[in-house]
Each structure stands twice: as C-alpha cells, then as structure tokens.
Protein backbone atom coordinates (compact mmCIF):
# COMPACT_ATOMS: atom_id res chain seq x y z
CA ILE A 1 0.00 0.00 0.00
CA ARG A 2 1.34 3.44 -0.92
CA LEU A 3 0.76 6.02 1.84
CA GLY A 4 1.11 9.76 1.44
CA ASN A 5 1.63 12.24 4.25
CA THR A 6 0.37 15.75 3.53
CA THR A 7 1.00 17.06 7.04
CA GLY A 8 3.98 19.16 7.97
CA ARG A 9 5.26 16.58 10.44
CA PRO A 10 6.32 12.92 10.31
CA ALA A 11 3.59 10.31 10.87
CA ALA A 12 3.67 6.75 12.11
CA GLY A 13 1.11 4.03 12.65
CA THR A 14 0.11 0.45 11.99
CA LEU A 15 -1.41 -1.45 9.11
CA ALA A 16 -3.39 -4.60 9.97
CA VAL A 17 -4.84 -7.25 7.65
CA GLU A 18 -7.16 -10.14 8.44
CA ALA A 19 -9.21 -12.52 6.33
CA GLU A 20 -12.02 -15.01 6.81
CA SER A 21 -13.74 -17.25 4.27
CA PHE A 22 -17.53 -17.03 4.42
CA ASN A 23 -19.58 -18.76 1.72
CA HIS A 24 -18.64 -22.42 1.54
CA ALA A 25 -19.37 -25.68 3.27
CA GLY A 26 -17.42 -26.42 6.42
CA ALA A 27 -15.79 -24.22 9.00
CA PRO A 28 -14.55 -20.79 7.93
CA HIS A 29 -10.86 -20.45 7.17
CA SER A 30 -9.20 -17.62 9.13
CA PRO A 31 -5.44 -17.23 8.77
CA ALA A 32 -3.64 -15.44 11.58
CA PRO A 33 -4.07 -11.64 11.32
CA GLN A 34 -0.94 -9.69 10.45
CA THR A 35 0.16 -6.22 11.56
CA THR A 36 3.11 -4.03 10.64
CA ALA A 37 4.31 -0.61 11.69
CA PHE A 38 5.03 2.21 9.25
CA ALA A 39 6.45 5.72 9.26
CA THR A 40 6.16 8.48 6.67
CA PRO A 41 8.27 11.62 6.51
CA ALA A 42 6.64 15.04 6.67
CA GLY A 43 5.08 15.77 3.29
CA GLY A 44 6.41 12.48 1.86
CA GLU A 45 5.28 9.00 0.87
CA THR A 46 6.10 5.48 1.91
CA THR A 47 5.21 2.02 0.65
CA VAL A 48 4.00 -0.52 3.21
CA THR A 49 4.14 -4.21 2.34
CA LEU A 50 2.43 -6.85 4.44
CA ASP A 51 2.19 -10.58 3.76
CA LEU A 52 -0.80 -12.60 4.91
CA PRO A 53 0.21 -16.29 4.88
CA LEU A 54 -2.92 -18.32 4.13
CA GLY A 55 -1.60 -21.79 4.85
CA SER A 56 -2.37 -25.07 3.12
CA ASP A 57 -6.04 -25.04 4.19
CA ALA A 58 -6.86 -21.87 2.18
CA ARG A 59 -10.11 -22.13 0.19
CA PRO A 60 -9.54 -21.50 -3.54
CA TRP A 61 -12.32 -20.09 -5.79
CA ASP A 62 -13.57 -21.87 -8.89
CA GLU A 63 -16.88 -22.63 -10.57
CA PHE A 64 -17.42 -25.77 -8.46
CA SER A 65 -16.58 -24.17 -5.12
CA PRO A 66 -16.78 -20.36 -5.32
CA ALA A 67 -15.22 -19.75 -1.90
CA LEU A 68 -14.80 -16.08 -1.04
CA TYR A 69 -13.03 -14.20 1.72
CA HIS A 70 -13.79 -11.01 3.59
CA LEU A 71 -10.44 -9.21 3.67
CA LYS A 72 -10.29 -6.43 6.28
CA ILE A 73 -7.56 -3.81 6.11
CA ALA A 74 -7.15 -1.24 8.90
CA LEU A 75 -4.79 1.73 8.97
CA VAL A 76 -4.24 3.54 12.29
CA SER A 77 -2.08 6.62 12.80
CA GLY A 78 -2.59 8.59 15.99
CA THR A 79 -6.31 9.42 16.20
CA TYR A 80 -6.83 8.65 12.50
CA ARG A 81 -8.35 5.28 11.61
CA ASP A 82 -9.39 4.03 8.18
CA GLU A 83 -10.84 0.55 7.70
CA ARG A 84 -12.07 -1.24 4.59
CA THR A 85 -13.52 -4.69 4.05
CA VAL A 86 -13.52 -6.20 0.57
CA GLU A 87 -14.63 -9.54 -0.86
CA THR A 88 -12.05 -11.51 -2.78
CA GLY A 89 -11.37 -15.00 -4.01
CA LEU A 90 -8.17 -17.00 -4.36
CA ARG A 91 -7.71 -18.06 -7.95
CA GLU A 92 -4.95 -18.56 -10.45
CA PHE A 93 -6.30 -18.42 -14.00
CA ARG A 94 -3.71 -19.23 -16.67
CA THR A 95 -3.07 -21.36 -19.70
CA LYS A 96 -1.23 -24.65 -19.92
CA ASP A 97 -0.50 -26.03 -23.35
CA ARG A 98 -3.72 -25.12 -25.19
CA GLN A 99 -6.14 -25.12 -22.25
CA PHE A 100 -7.36 -22.69 -19.63
CA VAL A 101 -6.41 -23.79 -16.13
CA ILE A 102 -7.82 -22.47 -12.87
CA ASN A 103 -6.05 -23.41 -9.65
CA GLY A 104 -4.26 -26.21 -11.51
CA ARG A 105 -7.46 -27.76 -12.94
CA PRO A 106 -8.19 -27.68 -16.71
CA THR A 107 -11.31 -25.57 -17.33
CA PHE A 108 -13.62 -25.46 -20.32
CA LEU A 109 -15.59 -22.22 -20.68
CA ARG A 110 -19.23 -23.12 -21.39
CA GLY A 111 -20.85 -19.82 -22.02
CA LYS A 112 -23.22 -17.46 -23.68
CA HIS A 113 -23.09 -14.13 -25.42
CA ASP A 114 -24.74 -11.18 -23.73
CA GLY A 115 -25.20 -8.00 -25.77
CA CYS A 116 -26.78 -6.00 -22.90
CA VAL A 117 -30.31 -6.45 -24.23
CA PHE A 118 -32.83 -5.97 -21.42
CA PRO A 119 -36.08 -5.08 -23.22
CA LEU A 120 -38.33 -4.97 -20.14
CA THR A 121 -36.26 -2.35 -18.32
CA GLY A 122 -34.04 -0.86 -21.02
CA HIS A 123 -30.99 -1.46 -18.81
CA PRO A 124 -29.32 -4.34 -16.94
CA PRO A 125 -30.07 -4.97 -13.26
CA MET A 126 -28.16 -2.68 -10.92
CA GLU A 127 -28.69 -4.66 -7.70
CA LEU A 128 -27.09 -7.89 -6.50
CA GLU A 129 -30.37 -9.83 -6.34
CA GLY A 130 -31.20 -9.09 -9.99
CA TRP A 131 -27.82 -10.43 -11.05
CA ARG A 132 -28.08 -13.45 -8.75
CA ALA A 133 -31.36 -14.35 -10.46
CA TYR A 134 -29.97 -13.81 -13.98
CA LEU A 135 -26.66 -15.60 -13.42
CA GLY A 136 -28.39 -18.30 -11.38
CA LYS A 137 -30.46 -19.10 -14.47
CA VAL A 138 -27.27 -19.14 -16.57
CA ARG A 139 -25.83 -21.64 -14.09
CA GLU A 140 -29.01 -23.76 -14.19
CA TRP A 141 -28.55 -24.06 -17.95
CA GLY A 142 -25.10 -25.55 -17.35
CA PHE A 143 -23.07 -22.49 -18.35
CA ASN A 144 -20.10 -21.17 -16.37
CA HIS A 145 -19.21 -18.16 -18.55
CA VAL A 146 -20.89 -14.99 -19.85
CA ARG A 147 -19.32 -12.84 -22.55
CA CYS A 148 -20.49 -9.24 -22.09
CA HIS A 149 -20.06 -8.20 -25.70
CA THR A 150 -18.90 -4.56 -25.88
CA TRP A 151 -20.20 -3.57 -22.46
CA ILE A 152 -19.12 -3.58 -18.82
CA PRO A 153 -21.77 -4.78 -16.35
CA PRO A 154 -22.29 -2.96 -13.04
CA GLU A 155 -20.39 -3.93 -9.90
CA ALA A 156 -23.36 -6.03 -8.70
CA ALA A 157 -22.82 -8.41 -11.64
CA PHE A 158 -19.24 -9.11 -10.58
CA ALA A 159 -20.28 -9.72 -6.96
CA ALA A 160 -23.03 -12.15 -8.05
CA ALA A 161 -20.68 -13.94 -10.47
CA ASP A 162 -18.08 -14.35 -7.72
CA ARG A 163 -20.66 -15.87 -5.38
CA LEU A 164 -22.13 -18.20 -8.02
CA GLY A 165 -18.91 -19.41 -9.67
CA ILE A 166 -19.50 -17.69 -13.03
CA TYR A 167 -16.66 -16.36 -15.18
CA LEU A 168 -17.43 -12.95 -16.70
CA GLN A 169 -15.78 -11.63 -19.84
CA PRO A 170 -16.49 -7.88 -19.94
CA GLU A 171 -15.38 -6.03 -23.06
CA LEU A 172 -14.87 -2.37 -23.76
CA PRO A 173 -16.95 -1.08 -26.65
CA PHE A 174 -14.95 -0.61 -29.83
CA TRP A 175 -16.59 0.64 -32.99
CA GLY A 176 -13.54 1.84 -34.91
CA THR A 177 -10.82 0.15 -36.90
CA PHE A 178 -7.25 -0.86 -36.31
CA ASP A 179 -6.01 0.87 -39.46
CA GLU A 180 -2.69 2.66 -39.12
CA LYS A 181 -2.88 6.33 -40.08
C-alpha cells in the first residue's frame, strides 16, 4: 500500500490485515491476522508491504466451489483510523499447453453471449439480487461463462458472479478500426 503524508510533520502508525472465508461448506478459514508498523516523513510518501500467509487449508475459488473471503484492512495513525472490508477469491487463472487452467485444474468455458439487451427495463439490473437471479439461471442451464459483448456490467454483476462461480468476460466497446494512419 502506498501512503502519502500531507502534514507538515512525520507520521507513524500500523497497518493490519485479516481474512475469513464465508460462503462455503465447512468451518470458515481464518489465517492469523498480520500487523506491521510504518512511518512516513513530513510531506512524503512510503510504501507498506504486508504478507498474509494463508496456509495449506486456504479455500480457492472456482466454478465448483466459489469460496470467497472477507479481507479487512485497517490503517491507524494517531487518532486517524481508516478501515475497509472487501470480498475476494483465491484463484490462479492461466493457460497450460492449449487449455485454460484455474487453480491447476483444466477448465472449459461453457458460455453465452450477452449484448446487454434488457427489453423490459431498457438497462441491466443494478442490484445484487437481480444479477443473482440472472446468473443463477445461466448456471441452471449448465453455463459457467458470460461474454459481455462490448459492455461492462455494473459492480453487482461481478459480486453475483463471484458468489455463483461464473466467469465474466467484460469487453470495452470498440466501434472503430485498427487501421494505421
């Protein structure tokens, strides 16, 4: 994390990170919280690095077990405190030979095209529940992938996809050419 100090005096504090899995069968996985001290010069910046060892019992995310973690980050400096909690999954998506591989397992993308056509509302759902219903139906049909052709869905779509084990392929709109001028 890069920290800036806009005060006229040096600052010091602590950065703490903790994680807990929350949406899978079995007991939650909670690695030991980690804390580190930092100091920034007056009017300067500093970079703080903190490792959070997850151990061998970490819960990876994939379409068959979409395990997620609540990752809580807290920064304390004197009377100042800033805390954020984010949802994240542990996944390594890469290629091996001519296949996609997630967390070491070959994966075949079984998907559908989505051109952002929502005739009843004129726009895609903006809330988590609307996307859970839509992507839940996609999952019922046996798909694990949605190509969002030339559009980026709202944040709620990504949260629902993470919870349901759906791979999203958002694409920026492009209506030009690749001609060199």
